[in-house]
Protein backbone atom coordinates (compact mmCIF):
# COMPACT_ATOMS: atom_id res chain seq x y z
CA MET A 1 1.23 -8.01 -15.51
CA LYS A 2 3.11 -5.01 -16.79
CA VAL A 3 1.15 -2.13 -18.24
CA GLN A 4 2.83 0.61 -20.24
CA ASN A 5 2.26 4.11 -21.54
CA ILE A 6 -0.95 4.97 -19.72
CA THR A 7 -1.93 8.38 -21.02
CA ASP A 8 -5.53 8.60 -19.78
CA ILE A 9 -5.26 8.25 -16.00
CA GLU A 10 -9.00 8.73 -15.43
CA LYS A 11 -9.87 5.93 -17.87
CA PHE A 12 -7.26 3.69 -16.24
CA PHE A 13 -8.77 4.20 -12.77
CA LYS A 14 -12.27 3.69 -14.18
CA ALA A 15 -11.13 0.31 -15.53
CA VAL A 16 -9.59 -0.52 -12.12
CA ASP A 17 -12.77 0.55 -10.30
CA GLU A 18 -14.83 -1.75 -12.54
CA CYS A 19 -12.74 -4.77 -11.54
CA LYS A 20 -14.51 -7.25 -9.24
CA GLY A 21 -11.47 -8.39 -7.24
CA LYS A 22 -8.36 -6.86 -5.80
CA VAL A 23 -6.00 -4.96 -8.12
CA GLU A 24 -2.60 -4.15 -6.68
CA LEU A 25 0.26 -1.95 -7.81
CA VAL A 26 3.70 -3.39 -7.07
CA THR A 27 6.13 -0.65 -6.06
CA GLY A 28 9.84 -0.65 -6.83
CA GLU A 29 10.44 -1.80 -3.24
CA GLY A 30 8.08 -4.77 -3.71
CA ASP A 31 5.21 -3.33 -1.66
CA ARG A 32 1.69 -3.90 -2.94
CA LEU A 33 -0.81 -1.03 -2.94
CA ASN A 34 -4.53 -1.71 -3.32
CA LEU A 35 -5.58 0.33 -6.36
CA LYS A 36 -9.26 -0.10 -5.52
CA SER A 37 -8.66 2.36 -2.66
CA LYS A 38 -9.00 6.00 -3.73
CA LEU A 39 -6.35 7.05 -1.22
CA SER A 40 -3.91 4.50 -2.64
CA GLN A 41 -4.71 5.70 -6.16
CA TYR A 42 -3.84 9.30 -5.31
CA VAL A 43 -0.73 8.47 -3.30
CA SER A 44 0.65 5.95 -5.78
CA MET A 45 0.12 8.10 -8.83
CA ALA A 46 1.59 11.19 -7.19
CA ASN A 47 4.76 9.21 -6.50
CA ILE A 48 4.98 7.43 -9.85
CA PHE A 49 4.66 10.18 -12.39
CA SER A 50 5.34 13.85 -12.61
CA ASN A 51 3.98 14.42 -16.12
CA SER A 52 0.74 13.20 -17.66
CA GLU A 53 1.99 9.77 -18.74
CA ILE A 54 2.86 6.65 -16.77
CA PRO A 55 5.62 4.77 -18.63
CA GLU A 56 5.26 1.35 -16.92
CA LEU A 57 3.51 -0.23 -13.94
CA GLU A 58 3.44 -3.72 -12.54
CA LEU A 59 -0.08 -4.74 -11.55
CA ILE A 60 -1.48 -7.86 -9.96
CA ALA A 61 -5.15 -8.61 -10.61
CA HIS A 62 -6.54 -11.56 -8.69
CA GLU A 63 -9.54 -12.39 -10.91
CA LYS A 64 -9.33 -13.65 -14.51
CA GLU A 65 -12.11 -11.31 -15.65
CA ASP A 66 -10.20 -8.36 -14.15
CA ILE A 67 -7.04 -9.33 -16.01
CA ASP A 68 -9.09 -9.47 -19.22
CA ARG A 69 -10.62 -6.06 -18.44
CA LEU A 70 -7.20 -4.45 -17.88
CA VAL A 71 -5.71 -6.07 -20.99
CA SER A 72 -8.69 -4.79 -23.00
CA PHE A 73 -8.10 -1.30 -21.56
CA MET A 74 -4.48 -1.39 -22.65
CA HIS A 75 -5.39 -2.50 -26.20
CA ASN A 76 -7.96 0.27 -26.52
CA GLU A 77 -5.82 2.98 -24.85
């Protein structure tokens, strides 16, 4: 799934942390980073954005309820 225009990074990571299964960020090189890992969160976000907004990310959530949770986050963002 593609997510766009994330302006509240803390809320985004809270939604990711609440997911039951694995949530991965797909990098431009095709690598997958586990966003449930705090280290991966810090490293990936430091590399992706330099201002306070993330224009677009590709995420893979492995559980249906996690996909629903992330979609709900994006609609309420």
